[in-house]
């Protein structure tokens, strides 16, 4: 999931470089959402991953 966040961030950078502000803004929003979902899942995996019987 972090990979997809980086991909959308790169797409946003390229779009902004060529002057496509709307596409860049949309790609940044998707990248932010994916990054925060990754962080939440990483914290949950860290908290519950070590508790095996």
PDB file of N, CA and C in Angstrom:
ATOM      1  N   UNK A   1       0.830  -1.181   0.000  1.00  0.00           N
ATOM      2  CA  UNK A   1       0.000   0.000   0.000  1.00  0.00           C
ATOM      3  C   UNK A   1       0.879   1.250   0.000  1.00  0.00           C
ATOM      4  N   UNK A   2       1.990   1.171   0.695  1.00  0.00           N
ATOM      5  CA  UNK A   2       2.900   2.308   0.696  1.00  0.00           C
ATOM      6  C   UNK A   2       3.459   2.536  -0.709  1.00  0.00           C
ATOM      7  N   UNK A   3       3.642   1.468  -1.432  1.00  0.00           N
ATOM      8  CA  UNK A   3       4.122   1.570  -2.820  1.00  0.00           C
ATOM      9  C   UNK A   3       3.140   2.381  -3.669  1.00  0.00           C
ATOM     10  N   UNK A   4       1.858   2.114  -3.529  1.00  0.00           N
ATOM     11  CA  UNK A   4       0.857   2.843  -4.302  1.00  0.00           C
ATOM     12  C   UNK A   4       0.812   4.319  -3.904  1.00  0.00           C
ATOM     13  N   UNK A   5       1.024   4.614  -2.623  1.00  0.00           N
ATOM     14  CA  UNK A   5       1.066   6.006  -2.183  1.00  0.00           C
ATOM     15  C   UNK A   5       2.229   6.739  -2.848  1.00  0.00           C
ATOM     16  N   UNK A   6       3.378   6.083  -2.928  1.00  0.00           N
ATOM     17  CA  UNK A   6       4.539   6.695  -3.583  1.00  0.00           C
ATOM     18  C   UNK A   6       4.279   6.874  -5.080  1.00  0.00           C
ATOM     19  N   UNK A   7       3.634   5.891  -5.699  1.00  0.00           N
ATOM     20  CA  UNK A   7       3.324   5.995  -7.130  1.00  0.00           C
ATOM     21  C   UNK A   7       2.413   7.192  -7.395  1.00  0.00           C
ATOM     22  N   UNK A   8       1.382   7.359  -6.593  1.00  0.00           N
ATOM     23  CA  UNK A   8       0.482   8.496  -6.793  1.00  0.00           C
ATOM     24  C   UNK A   8       1.185   9.816  -6.509  1.00  0.00           C
ATOM     25  N   UNK A   9       2.126   9.823  -5.565  1.00  0.00           N
ATOM     26  CA  UNK A   9       2.882  11.034  -5.293  1.00  0.00           C
ATOM     27  C   UNK A   9       3.755  11.407  -6.493  1.00  0.00           C
ATOM     28  N   UNK A  10       4.375  10.420  -7.110  1.00  0.00           N
ATOM     29  CA  UNK A  10       5.189  10.679  -8.301  1.00  0.00           C
ATOM     30  C   UNK A  10       4.306  11.163  -9.450  1.00  0.00           C
ATOM     31  N   UNK A  11       3.136  10.559  -9.598  1.00  0.00           N
ATOM     32  CA  UNK A  11       2.199  11.022 -10.631  1.00  0.00           C
ATOM     33  C   UNK A  11       1.820  12.483 -10.383  1.00  0.00           C
ATOM     34  N   UNK A  12       1.605  12.835  -9.126  1.00  0.00           N
ATOM     35  CA  UNK A  12       1.263  14.218  -8.791  1.00  0.00           C
ATOM     36  C   UNK A  12       2.410  15.157  -9.130  1.00  0.00           C
ATOM     37  N   UNK A  13       3.639  14.748  -8.858  1.00  0.00           N
ATOM     38  CA  UNK A  13       4.786  15.590  -9.173  1.00  0.00           C
ATOM     39  C   UNK A  13       4.921  15.808 -10.683  1.00  0.00           C
ATOM     40  N   UNK A  14       4.757  14.747 -11.443  1.00  0.00           N
ATOM     41  CA  UNK A  14       4.868  14.856 -12.898  1.00  0.00           C
ATOM     42  C   UNK A  14       3.732  15.713 -13.457  1.00  0.00           C
ATOM     43  N   UNK A  15       2.529  15.512 -12.944  1.00  0.00           N
ATOM     44  CA  UNK A  15       1.392  16.300 -13.416  1.00  0.00           C
ATOM     45  C   UNK A  15       1.581  17.778 -13.079  1.00  0.00           C
ATOM     46  N   UNK A  16       2.092  18.057 -11.900  1.00  0.00           N
ATOM     47  CA  UNK A  16       2.328  19.449 -11.522  1.00  0.00           C
ATOM     48  C   UNK A  16       3.430  20.065 -12.373  1.00  0.00           C
ATOM     49  N   UNK A  17       4.428  19.274 -12.725  1.00  0.00           N
ATOM     50  CA  UNK A  17       5.523  19.765 -13.558  1.00  0.00           C
ATOM     51  C   UNK A  17       5.020  20.201 -14.936  1.00  0.00           C
ATOM     52  N   UNK A  18       4.043  19.462 -15.463  1.00  0.00           N
ATOM     53  CA  UNK A  18       3.501  19.786 -16.784  1.00  0.00           C
ATOM     54  C   UNK A  18       2.303  20.725 -16.723  1.00  0.00           C
ATOM     55  N   UNK A  19       1.932  21.185 -15.530  1.00  0.00           N
ATOM     56  CA  UNK A  19       0.885  22.194 -15.414  1.00  0.00           C
ATOM     57  C   UNK A  19      -0.524  21.667 -15.241  1.00  0.00           C
ATOM     58  N   UNK A  20      -0.678  20.398 -14.955  1.00  0.00           N
ATOM     59  CA  UNK A  20      -2.014  19.833 -14.731  1.00  0.00           C
ATOM     60  C   UNK A  20      -2.328  19.879 -13.236  1.00  0.00           C
ATOM     61  N   UNK A  21      -2.769  21.025 -12.769  1.00  0.00           N
ATOM     62  CA  UNK A  21      -2.993  21.230 -11.340  1.00  0.00           C
ATOM     63  C   UNK A  21      -4.108  20.378 -10.769  1.00  0.00           C
ATOM     64  N   UNK A  22      -5.177  20.189 -11.514  1.00  0.00           N
ATOM     65  CA  UNK A  22      -6.308  19.397 -11.017  1.00  0.00           C
ATOM     66  C   UNK A  22      -5.944  17.936 -10.846  1.00  0.00           C
ATOM     67  N   UNK A  23      -5.243  17.403 -11.819  1.00  0.00           N
ATOM     68  CA  UNK A  23      -4.816  16.005 -11.731  1.00  0.00           C
ATOM     69  C   UNK A  23      -3.815  15.848 -10.599  1.00  0.00           C
ATOM     70  N   UNK A  24      -2.912  16.813 -10.450  1.00  0.00           N
ATOM     71  CA  UNK A  24      -1.911  16.761  -9.389  1.00  0.00           C
ATOM     72  C   UNK A  24      -2.584  16.787  -8.015  1.00  0.00           C
ATOM     73  N   UNK A  25      -3.579  17.637  -7.859  1.00  0.00           N
ATOM     74  CA  UNK A  25      -4.273  17.737  -6.568  1.00  0.00           C
ATOM     75  C   UNK A  25      -5.007  16.437  -6.250  1.00  0.00           C
ATOM     76  N   UNK A  26      -5.632  15.846  -7.247  1.00  0.00           N
ATOM     77  CA  UNK A  26      -6.319  14.575  -7.029  1.00  0.00           C
ATOM     78  C   UNK A  26      -5.365  13.460  -6.666  1.00  0.00           C
ATOM     79  N   UNK A  27      -4.222  13.409  -7.340  1.00  0.00           N
ATOM     80  CA  UNK A  27      -3.235  12.370  -7.044  1.00  0.00           C
ATOM     81  C   UNK A  27      -2.644  12.553  -5.652  1.00  0.00           C
ATOM     82  N   UNK A  28      -2.450  13.784  -5.233  1.00  0.00           N
ATOM     83  CA  UNK A  28      -1.934  14.037  -3.885  1.00  0.00           C
ATOM     84  C   UNK A  28      -2.941  13.580  -2.838  1.00  0.00           C
ATOM     85  N   UNK A  29      -4.211  13.852  -3.070  1.00  0.00           N
ATOM     86  CA  UNK A  29      -5.236  13.425  -2.108  1.00  0.00           C
ATOM     87  C   UNK A  29      -5.283  11.902  -1.994  1.00  0.00           C
ATOM     88  N   UNK A  30      -5.212  11.215  -3.126  1.00  0.00           N
ATOM     89  CA  UNK A  30      -5.207   9.751  -3.092  1.00  0.00           C
ATOM     90  C   UNK A  30      -3.969   9.244  -2.370  1.00  0.00           C
ATOM     91  N   UNK A  31      -2.819   9.860  -2.620  1.00  0.00           N
ATOM     92  CA  UNK A  31      -1.579   9.450  -1.964  1.00  0.00           C
ATOM     93  C   UNK A  31      -1.661   9.654  -0.458  1.00  0.00           C
ATOM     94  N   UNK A  32      -2.260  10.770  -0.028  1.00  0.00           N
ATOM     95  CA  UNK A  32      -2.392  11.016   1.413  1.00  0.00           C
ATOM     96  C   UNK A  32      -3.304   9.986   2.068  1.00  0.00           C
ATOM     97  N   UNK A  33      -4.407   9.668   1.422  1.00  0.00           N
ATOM     98  CA  UNK A  33      -5.339   8.679   1.975  1.00  0.00           C
ATOM     99  C   UNK A  33      -4.656   7.325   2.090  1.00  0.00           C
ATOM    100  N   UNK A  34      -3.968   6.899   1.033  1.00  0.00           N
ATOM    101  CA  UNK A  34      -3.280   5.613   1.071  1.00  0.00           C
ATOM    102  C   UNK A  34      -2.191   5.585   2.134  1.00  0.00           C
ATOM    103  N   UNK A  35      -1.473   6.689   2.307  1.00  0.00           N
ATOM    104  CA  UNK A  35      -0.421   6.740   3.311  1.00  0.00           C
ATOM    105  C   UNK A  35      -0.993   6.620   4.719  1.00  0.00           C
ATOM    106  N   UNK A  36      -2.094   7.307   4.996  1.00  0.00           N
ATOM    107  CA  UNK A  36      -2.682   7.226   6.332  1.00  0.00           C
ATOM    108  C   UNK A  36      -3.303   5.858   6.595  1.00  0.00           C
ATOM    109  N   UNK A  37      -3.876   5.231   5.579  1.00  0.00           N
ATOM    110  CA  UNK A  37      -4.375   3.865   5.740  1.00  0.00           C
ATOM    111  C   UNK A  37      -3.209   2.925   6.032  1.00  0.00           C
ATOM    112  N   UNK A  38      -2.082   3.117   5.344  1.00  0.00           N
ATOM    113  CA  UNK A  38      -0.895   2.317   5.615  1.00  0.00           C
ATOM    114  C   UNK A  38      -0.439   2.497   7.055  1.00  0.00           C
ATOM    115  N   UNK A  39      -0.402   3.739   7.535  1.00  0.00           N
ATOM    116  CA  UNK A  39       0.032   3.979   8.912  1.00  0.00           C
ATOM    117  C   UNK A  39      -0.887   3.306   9.917  1.00  0.00           C
ATOM    118  N   UNK A  40      -2.180   3.402   9.705  1.00  0.00           N
ATOM    119  CA  UNK A  40      -3.130   2.776  10.630  1.00  0.00           C
ATOM    120  C   UNK A  40      -2.958   1.266  10.632  1.00  0.00           C
ATOM    121  N   UNK A  41      -2.841   0.658   9.445  1.00  0.00           N
ATOM    122  CA  UNK A  41      -2.662  -0.789   9.370  1.00  0.00           C
ATOM    123  C   UNK A  41      -1.325  -1.226   9.965  1.00  0.00           C
ATOM    124  N   UNK A  42      -0.286  -0.414   9.806  1.00  0.00           N
ATOM    125  CA  UNK A  42       1.016  -0.748  10.375  1.00  0.00           C
ATOM    126  C   UNK A  42       0.962  -0.723  11.903  1.00  0.00           C
ATOM    127  N   UNK A  43       0.279   0.256  12.468  1.00  0.00           N
ATOM    128  CA  UNK A  43       0.156   0.334  13.924  1.00  0.00           C
ATOM    129  C   UNK A  43      -0.665  -0.835  14.458  1.00  0.00           C
ATOM    130  N   UNK A  44      -1.761  -1.159  13.788  1.00  0.00           N
ATOM    131  CA  UNK A  44      -2.591  -2.299  14.209  1.00  0.00           C
ATOM    132  C   UNK A  44      -1.802  -3.596  14.119  1.00  0.00           C
ATOM    133  N   UNK A  45      -1.039  -3.777  13.062  1.00  0.00           N
ATOM    134  CA  UNK A  45      -0.232  -4.987  12.916  1.00  0.00           C
ATOM    135  C   UNK A  45       0.842  -5.054  13.991  1.00  0.00           C
ATOM    136  N   UNK A  46       1.417  -3.920  14.342  1.00  0.00           N
ATOM    137  CA  UNK A  46       2.428  -3.895  15.397  1.00  0.00           C
ATOM    138  C   UNK A  46       1.829  -4.227  16.758  1.00  0.00           C
ATOM    139  N   UNK A  47       0.651  -3.685  17.032  1.00  0.00           N
ATOM    140  CA  UNK A  47       0.033  -3.899  18.340  1.00  0.00           C
ATOM    141  C   UNK A  47      -0.476  -5.330  18.512  1.00  0.00           C
ATOM    142  N   UNK A  48      -1.067  -5.897  17.477  1.00  0.00           N
ATOM    143  CA  UNK A  48      -1.687  -7.214  17.599  1.00  0.00           C
ATOM    144  C   UNK A  48      -0.850  -8.339  16.999  1.00  0.00           C
ATOM    145  N   UNK A  49       0.243  -8.029  16.341  1.00  0.00           N
ATOM    146  CA  UNK A  49       1.059  -9.044  15.702  1.00  0.00           C
ATOM    147  C   UNK A  49       1.885  -9.862  16.675  1.00  0.00           C
ATOM    148  N   UNK A  50       2.251  -9.300  17.803  1.00  0.00           N
ATOM    149  CA  UNK A  50       3.110  -9.995  18.750  1.00  0.00           C
ATOM    150  C   UNK A  50       2.383 -10.831  19.783  1.00  0.00           C
ATOM    151  N   UNK A  51       1.093 -10.849  19.767  1.00  0.00           N
ATOM    152  CA  UNK A  51       0.294 -11.549  20.790  1.00  0.00           C
ATOM    153  C   UNK A  51      -0.193 -12.886  20.275  1.00  0.00           C
ATOM    154  N   UNK A  52       0.716 -13.811  20.111  1.00  0.00           N
ATOM    155  CA  UNK A  52       0.326 -15.153  19.663  1.00  0.00           C
ATOM    156  C   UNK A  52       0.375 -16.102  20.853  1.00  0.00           C
ATOM    157  N   UNK A  53      -0.615 -16.973  20.970  1.00  0.00           N
ATOM    158  CA  UNK A  53      -0.639 -17.904  22.111  1.00  0.00           C
ATOM    159  C   UNK A  53       0.375 -19.005  21.987  1.00  0.00           C
TER     160      UNK A  53
END
